[in-house]
Protein backbone atom coordinates (compact mmCIF):
# COMPACT_ATOMS: atom_id res chain seq x y z
CA MET A 1 105.42 136.23 148.01
CA SER A 2 103.26 133.96 145.81
CA LYS A 3 104.82 135.53 142.71
CA ILE A 4 108.30 134.72 144.02
CA LYS A 5 107.26 131.13 144.69
CA LYS A 6 105.79 130.84 141.17
CA ASN A 7 108.97 132.20 139.57
CA THR A 8 111.08 129.83 141.66
CA SER A 9 108.87 126.91 140.62
CA ASN A 10 109.17 127.85 136.94
CA LYS A 11 112.95 128.08 137.24
CA LEU A 12 113.14 124.66 138.87
CA THR A 13 110.94 123.19 136.11
CA ASN A 14 113.19 124.70 133.43
CA ILE A 15 116.31 123.40 135.17
CA LYS A 16 114.77 119.92 135.42
CA HIS A 17 113.84 119.98 131.73
CA LEU A 18 117.34 121.15 130.76
CA SER A 19 118.87 118.42 132.90
CA SER A 20 116.73 115.83 131.09
CA ILE A 21 117.93 117.07 127.70
CA ILE A 22 121.57 117.01 128.85
CA TYR A 23 121.07 113.47 130.14
CA LEU A 24 119.59 112.45 126.80
CA VAL A 25 122.49 113.98 124.87
CA ILE A 26 124.94 112.00 127.03
CA ILE A 27 123.03 108.78 126.31
CA LEU A 28 122.97 109.48 122.59
CA MET A 29 126.69 110.28 122.53
CA PHE A 30 127.38 107.00 124.33
CA LEU A 31 125.30 105.15 121.74
CA GLY A 32 126.87 106.98 118.83
CA LEU A 33 123.66 108.84 117.97
CA SER A 34 122.78 112.50 117.70
CA ILE A 35 119.83 114.84 117.46
CA SER A 36 119.59 118.33 116.04
CA ALA A 37 121.34 120.84 118.26
CA SER A 38 118.93 123.57 117.15
CA ALA A 39 115.78 121.80 118.34
CA GLU A 40 114.59 119.90 121.37
CA PRO A 41 114.06 116.15 120.92
CA ASP A 42 110.57 115.14 119.86
CA LEU A 43 108.49 112.13 118.89
CA GLN A 44 110.05 111.96 115.43
CA ASP A 45 113.45 111.41 117.05
CA VAL A 46 111.97 108.43 118.88
CA LYS A 47 110.59 106.99 115.64
CA ASP A 48 113.95 107.49 113.93
CA MET A 49 115.72 105.62 116.75
CA ILE A 50 113.27 102.72 116.49
CA THR A 51 113.81 102.60 112.71
CA LYS A 52 117.58 102.43 113.32
CA GLY A 53 117.18 99.66 115.91
CA LYS A 54 118.28 101.89 118.82
CA PHE A 55 115.52 100.66 121.10
CA GLU A 56 117.10 101.40 124.49
CA ALA A 57 117.79 105.01 123.47
CA ALA A 58 114.21 105.31 122.19
CA VAL A 59 112.84 104.12 125.55
CA SER A 60 115.05 106.64 127.41
CA LEU A 61 113.93 109.48 125.14
CA CYS A 62 110.27 108.50 125.61
CA ASP A 63 110.70 108.71 129.39
CA ILE A 64 112.16 112.21 129.03
CA LEU A 65 109.38 113.35 126.69
CA ILE A 66 106.75 111.98 129.06
CA SER A 67 108.29 113.77 132.05
CA SER A 68 108.47 117.07 130.16
CA ALA A 69 105.03 116.58 128.53
CA GLY A 70 106.39 118.03 125.31
CA ASP A 71 104.32 115.73 123.09
CA SER A 72 101.01 113.97 123.28
CA VAL A 73 101.67 111.54 126.12
CA SER A 74 99.54 108.79 124.58
CA ASP A 75 101.57 108.89 121.35
CA VAL A 76 104.85 108.82 123.28
CA LEU A 77 103.64 105.87 125.35
CA LEU A 78 102.70 104.08 122.14
CA GLU A 79 106.20 104.51 120.71
CA LYS A 80 107.72 103.49 124.06
CA GLY A 81 105.71 100.27 123.95
CA ILE A 82 106.88 99.58 120.40
CA ALA A 83 110.53 100.16 121.38
CA LEU A 84 110.16 97.84 124.38
CA TYR A 85 108.49 95.23 122.18
CA TYR A 86 111.43 95.19 119.79
CA LEU A 87 113.86 95.32 122.68
CA TRP A 88 112.34 92.04 123.84
CA ASP A 89 114.44 89.05 122.78
CA LYS A 90 111.63 86.85 121.52
CA GLU A 91 113.78 83.77 120.97
CA ASN A 92 115.26 83.75 124.47
CA ALA A 93 112.64 85.52 126.56
CA LEU A 94 110.63 82.37 127.15
CA LYS A 95 113.77 80.41 128.06
CA VAL A 96 115.43 82.92 130.37
CA GLU A 97 113.12 84.16 133.10
CA ASN A 98 114.74 87.56 133.63
CA ARG A 99 114.29 88.49 129.96
CA ILE A 100 110.49 88.45 130.04
CA TYR A 101 110.20 91.92 131.65
CA PRO A 102 110.43 94.07 128.47
CA ILE A 103 107.22 92.56 127.09
CA GLU A 104 105.40 93.26 130.35
CA MET A 105 106.70 96.83 130.29
CA ALA A 106 105.57 97.14 126.67
CA ILE A 107 102.06 95.94 127.53
CA SER A 108 101.94 98.44 130.41
CA ALA A 109 102.96 101.30 128.10
CA PHE A 110 100.41 100.25 125.48
CA ARG A 111 97.66 100.12 128.14
CA GLU A 112 98.48 103.64 129.30
CA SER A 113 98.51 104.84 125.69
CA ALA A 114 95.15 103.18 124.97
CA ALA A 115 93.62 104.77 128.07
CA GLN A 116 94.82 108.29 127.25
CA GLY A 117 94.91 108.38 123.47
CA ALA A 118 92.49 109.45 120.78
CA ASN A 119 90.51 106.75 119.02
CA GLU A 120 93.10 105.74 116.40
CA THR A 121 96.03 105.83 118.83
CA SER A 122 93.97 103.76 121.26
CA ALA A 123 93.16 101.25 118.51
CA VAL A 124 96.83 100.82 117.58
CA ALA A 125 97.76 100.39 121.24
CA PHE A 126 95.07 97.74 121.77
CA LYS A 127 96.29 95.86 118.71
CA TRP A 128 99.86 95.92 120.02
CA ILE A 129 98.75 94.52 123.38
CA GLY A 130 97.16 91.56 121.62
CA ASP A 131 100.27 91.05 119.51
CA CYS A 132 102.47 91.11 122.62
CA TYR A 133 100.39 88.37 124.20
CA PHE A 134 100.32 86.40 120.95
CA PHE A 135 104.09 86.39 120.44
CA ALA A 136 104.61 85.61 124.11
CA MET A 137 102.51 82.48 123.39
CA ARG A 138 99.83 83.65 125.83
CA TYR A 139 97.12 82.86 123.34
CA GLU A 140 94.08 83.01 125.62
CA GLN A 141 94.98 86.53 126.69
CA ALA A 142 95.68 87.45 123.08
CA ALA A 143 92.25 86.22 121.97
CA LEU A 144 90.55 88.15 124.77
CA GLN A 145 92.47 91.29 123.86
CA TYR A 146 91.56 90.97 120.18
CA SER A 147 87.90 90.47 121.16
CA GLU A 148 88.04 93.64 123.24
CA PHE A 149 89.52 95.45 120.24
CA GLU A 150 86.56 94.35 118.09
CA VAL A 151 84.09 95.77 120.61
CA LEU A 152 85.90 99.08 121.20
CA HIS A 153 87.14 99.76 117.66
CA PRO A 154 84.64 98.23 115.19
CA ASP A 155 85.47 100.80 112.51
CA SER A 156 89.26 100.58 112.74
CA LYS A 157 91.26 99.90 109.60
CA TYR A 158 93.03 97.18 111.61
CA LEU A 159 89.83 95.27 112.37
CA VAL A 160 90.22 92.49 109.80
CA SER A 161 93.89 91.98 110.69
CA VAL A 162 92.92 91.67 114.34
CA LYS A 163 90.20 89.17 113.46
CA TYR A 164 92.69 87.05 111.56
CA ARG A 165 95.22 87.14 114.41
CA LYS A 166 92.39 86.19 116.78
CA GLY A 167 91.66 83.17 114.58
CA LYS A 168 95.34 82.22 114.72
CA ALA A 169 95.26 82.49 118.52
CA TYR A 170 92.34 80.05 118.72
CA GLU A 171 94.12 77.78 116.27
CA LYS A 172 97.15 77.75 118.60
CA LEU A 173 94.76 76.80 121.42
CA ASN A 174 93.50 73.89 119.26
CA ASP A 175 90.03 75.43 119.22
CA TYR A 176 89.72 74.73 115.52
CA GLU A 177 85.96 75.18 115.28
CA ARG A 178 86.14 78.71 116.61
CA ALA A 179 89.11 79.52 114.37
CA ILE A 180 87.23 78.18 111.33
CA GLY A 181 84.25 80.38 112.21
CA ILE A 182 86.48 83.47 112.29
CA TYR A 183 88.19 82.55 109.01
CA GLU A 184 84.84 81.97 107.31
CA GLU A 185 83.63 85.36 108.55
CA ILE A 186 86.69 87.05 107.05
CA ILE A 187 86.25 85.21 103.74
CA SER A 188 82.60 86.25 103.59
CA ASP A 189 82.83 89.84 104.84
CA TYR A 190 86.32 90.93 103.76
CA PRO A 191 86.98 89.41 100.31
CA ASP A 192 89.51 92.15 99.52
CA PHE A 193 91.66 91.49 102.58
CA GLN A 194 95.28 91.43 101.43
CA TYR A 195 95.89 88.00 102.98
CA ILE A 196 92.57 86.48 101.90
CA LYS A 197 94.31 83.61 100.08
CA THR A 198 96.14 82.68 103.26
CA VAL A 199 92.88 82.85 105.21
CA ARG A 200 91.19 80.50 102.72
CA PHE A 201 94.10 78.08 102.95
CA ASP A 202 94.06 78.14 106.76
CA CYS A 203 90.30 77.61 106.77
CA MET A 204 90.43 74.60 104.42
CA ARG A 205 93.37 73.14 106.36
CA LEU A 206 91.51 73.27 109.66
CA ILE A 207 88.29 71.92 108.14
CA SER A 208 90.28 68.95 106.85
CA ILE A 209 91.75 68.35 110.33
CA VAL A 210 88.33 68.53 112.00
CA GLU A 211 86.77 66.15 109.45
CA LYS A 212 89.44 63.54 110.14
CA ARG A 213 88.79 63.48 113.85
């Protein structure tokens, strides 16, 4: 009896998975997209959709991949967050209340990815959360998120970029002294940072503002 139940369960799972793929194909046909007929959709298809600006389709495919657990869930959640981020209309989201939800959904996806992912995936997800807050002009939350990144991922290749964005967040909050401190740290500890000239300029600009107060 248990064997019959197991076989029935497996059949239902396969039917559900097949239904998800059929649903995806219908969505892609509606959007004028396609995937290889010889292979099931995977994370690379999601990345291709994001590259082509097909963000809604990418989100739908991520949901299907997550439900079928065909890929690393943390990586899929990361790409879902990125698609939602770009789906967010940054120019109008802060003016039209009902357009703010994609950024909240993106942050939620990034948080799930950070919680489940390996170290580098988690680092990327944490960085994206900070960036979401920053571009939503929620600078205090952005600064806190970037600080958390520094504690959890001190060896990440994104560390200096996160530090610089953190300095920009404090600058937006008019906390110039703290921003200057971060810029001076970058200048001292990361002289080869690709945007070091910009950091020096920002630092001198803020020092000039503070001195004139």
